[in-house]
Amino acid sequence: MLMLIIPNIMWAKNKPSGYSPLGENKVLLSFEKVGQMLTTATALCFSDTNLHGINIWLIWFFASALLMIIYELYWVRYFIGGHTLKDFYRTFFGIPLPGATLPIAAFIMLGIYGKLIWLVAAAIILGIGHIGIHLGHLKKLKE
């Protein structure tokens, strides 16, 4: 959770020039907020996401961890760059909208590892909102 929260706090103080949340789709925003609450609560309340022995399911745990490491590297690129919208929405290692897609994919994989359908569902709800909002911003940027 800290790998997710810390860069976002730093981003709030270093938003890209020209960024504005005005005009964001209210339905997508609702999905994002509900998904954030559900994902956070589920990830923190269930111990199934903790390491629990060596088995084939560890592949999902390590995939989730790898995605979060790539997510951190994405933020390093953003923070050492010019804090521009282009930097914020540009692909990273070929991953589109990495600031939105990487943590969603990581939570889905963590949910699979922990066999928590609730975490997978919460991450999908979050993804619909978060990725949708980012797609809207990217569309405006390209116009």
Protein backbone atom coordinates (compact mmCIF):
# COMPACT_ATOMS: atom_id res chain seq x y z
CA MET A 1 0.00 0.00 0.00
CA LEU A 2 2.87 2.37 0.74
CA MET A 3 4.25 1.81 -2.77
CA LEU A 4 0.93 3.14 -4.01
CA ILE A 5 0.27 5.93 -1.53
CA ILE A 6 3.67 7.64 -1.25
CA PRO A 7 4.11 8.50 -4.95
CA ASN A 8 0.52 9.74 -5.13
CA ILE A 9 1.11 12.08 -2.18
CA MET A 10 4.25 13.34 -3.91
CA TRP A 11 2.29 13.74 -7.16
CA ALA A 12 -0.33 15.86 -5.39
CA LYS A 13 2.46 18.36 -4.69
CA ASN A 14 4.03 18.00 -8.16
CA LYS A 15 1.11 17.76 -10.56
CA PRO A 16 1.90 18.05 -14.24
CA SER A 17 1.61 21.52 -15.68
CA GLY A 18 -1.75 21.87 -17.39
CA TYR A 19 -3.43 19.09 -15.40
CA SER A 20 -7.04 19.73 -14.45
CA PRO A 21 -9.64 17.35 -13.02
CA LEU A 22 -12.41 19.57 -14.41
CA GLY A 23 -14.70 17.77 -16.80
CA GLU A 24 -13.94 14.27 -15.54
CA ASN A 25 -16.76 11.81 -16.12
CA LYS A 26 -18.80 11.62 -12.90
CA VAL A 27 -19.69 7.95 -13.40
CA LEU A 28 -16.05 7.01 -13.86
CA LEU A 29 -15.13 9.14 -10.86
CA SER A 30 -17.72 7.25 -8.78
CA PHE A 31 -16.28 3.91 -9.91
CA GLU A 32 -12.80 5.14 -9.03
CA LYS A 33 -13.73 6.32 -5.52
CA VAL A 34 -15.76 3.21 -4.68
CA GLY A 35 -13.01 1.02 -6.12
CA GLN A 36 -10.36 2.83 -4.07
CA MET A 37 -12.28 2.26 -0.86
CA LEU A 38 -13.07 -1.39 -1.62
CA THR A 39 -9.57 -2.23 -2.85
CA THR A 40 -7.87 -0.61 0.15
CA ALA A 41 -10.24 -2.18 2.67
CA THR A 42 -10.02 -5.63 1.11
CA ALA A 43 -6.23 -5.57 0.77
CA LEU A 44 -5.80 -4.46 4.39
CA CYS A 45 -8.49 -6.60 6.03
CA PHE A 46 -7.64 -10.00 4.58
CA SER A 47 -4.37 -11.69 5.50
CA ASP A 48 -4.69 -13.93 2.42
CA THR A 49 -2.53 -11.42 0.53
CA ASN A 50 0.43 -12.04 2.87
CA LEU A 51 3.09 -14.60 2.01
CA HIS A 52 1.97 -18.01 3.21
CA GLY A 53 4.35 -20.72 2.16
CA ILE A 54 5.99 -21.83 -1.04
CA ASN A 55 3.58 -22.99 -3.72
CA ILE A 56 2.66 -22.37 -7.35
CA TRP A 57 0.49 -19.41 -6.34
CA LEU A 58 3.65 -17.43 -5.53
CA ILE A 59 3.91 -16.70 -9.26
CA TRP A 60 0.94 -14.34 -8.88
CA PHE A 61 2.43 -12.71 -5.79
CA PHE A 62 5.76 -12.06 -7.51
CA ALA A 63 4.02 -10.83 -10.67
CA SER A 64 2.10 -8.37 -8.50
CA ALA A 65 5.31 -7.26 -6.80
CA LEU A 66 7.08 -6.87 -10.14
CA LEU A 67 4.27 -4.68 -11.47
CA MET A 68 4.52 -2.47 -8.38
CA ILE A 69 8.30 -2.17 -8.85
CA ILE A 70 7.71 -1.09 -12.46
CA TYR A 71 5.09 1.35 -11.13
CA GLU A 72 7.70 2.87 -8.81
CA LEU A 73 10.14 3.18 -11.72
CA TYR A 74 7.42 4.96 -13.71
CA TRP A 75 7.13 7.48 -10.88
CA VAL A 76 10.91 7.93 -10.74
CA ARG A 77 10.84 8.80 -14.45
CA TYR A 78 8.02 11.28 -13.85
CA PHE A 79 9.62 12.96 -10.84
CA ILE A 80 13.05 13.37 -12.43
CA GLY A 81 11.42 14.59 -15.65
CA GLY A 82 9.74 17.87 -16.32
CA HIS A 83 6.41 17.07 -14.59
CA THR A 84 4.57 17.41 -17.88
CA LEU A 85 1.31 15.82 -18.99
CA LYS A 86 3.27 14.08 -21.74
CA ASP A 87 5.56 12.47 -19.12
CA PHE A 88 2.57 11.56 -16.98
CA TYR A 89 0.63 9.74 -19.73
CA ARG A 90 3.48 8.38 -21.83
CA THR A 91 3.93 4.60 -22.06
CA PHE A 92 6.53 2.91 -19.88
CA PHE A 93 8.19 -0.33 -21.04
CA GLY A 94 5.42 -0.43 -23.64
CA ILE A 95 2.69 -0.30 -20.98
CA PRO A 96 -0.03 2.23 -21.83
CA LEU A 97 -1.17 4.62 -19.09
CA PRO A 98 1.25 3.02 -16.62
CA GLY A 99 0.20 5.23 -13.71
CA ALA A 100 -3.29 3.77 -13.96
CA THR A 101 -2.84 0.28 -15.39
CA LEU A 102 0.10 -1.00 -13.33
CA PRO A 103 -1.44 -0.75 -9.85
CA ILE A 104 -4.77 -2.13 -11.09
CA ALA A 105 -3.06 -5.15 -12.65
CA ALA A 106 -0.96 -5.59 -9.50
CA PHE A 107 -4.06 -5.65 -7.28
CA ILE A 108 -5.80 -8.12 -9.58
CA MET A 109 -2.79 -10.42 -9.41
CA LEU A 110 -2.57 -10.00 -5.65
CA GLY A 111 -6.24 -10.96 -5.44
CA ILE A 112 -5.59 -14.05 -7.54
CA TYR A 113 -2.64 -14.96 -5.30
CA GLY A 114 -4.78 -14.60 -2.17
CA LYS A 115 -7.76 -16.27 -3.88
CA LEU A 116 -9.79 -13.20 -2.94
CA ILE A 117 -12.55 -12.68 -5.47
CA TRP A 118 -13.47 -9.53 -3.51
CA LEU A 119 -10.07 -7.97 -4.14
CA VAL A 120 -10.18 -8.88 -7.83
CA ALA A 121 -13.69 -7.40 -8.14
CA ALA A 122 -12.69 -4.25 -6.21
CA ALA A 123 -9.63 -3.77 -8.44
CA ILE A 124 -11.77 -4.16 -11.56
CA ILE A 125 -14.20 -1.53 -10.27
CA LEU A 126 -11.26 0.74 -9.49
CA GLY A 127 -9.77 0.05 -12.91
CA ILE A 128 -12.96 0.97 -14.75
CA GLY A 129 -12.92 4.38 -13.08
CA HIS A 130 -9.19 5.07 -12.83
CA ILE A 131 -8.18 3.87 -16.28
CA GLY A 132 -11.29 5.44 -17.80
CA ILE A 133 -10.45 8.82 -16.29
CA HIS A 134 -6.86 8.58 -17.50
CA LEU A 135 -8.06 7.66 -20.99
CA GLY A 136 -10.23 10.79 -20.95
CA HIS A 137 -7.27 12.96 -19.99
CA LEU A 138 -5.10 11.34 -22.65
CA LYS A 139 -7.77 11.96 -25.28
CA LYS A 140 -7.91 15.66 -24.33
CA LEU A 141 -4.12 15.84 -24.41
CA LYS A 142 -4.05 14.48 -27.95
CA GLU A 143 -6.69 16.97 -29.16
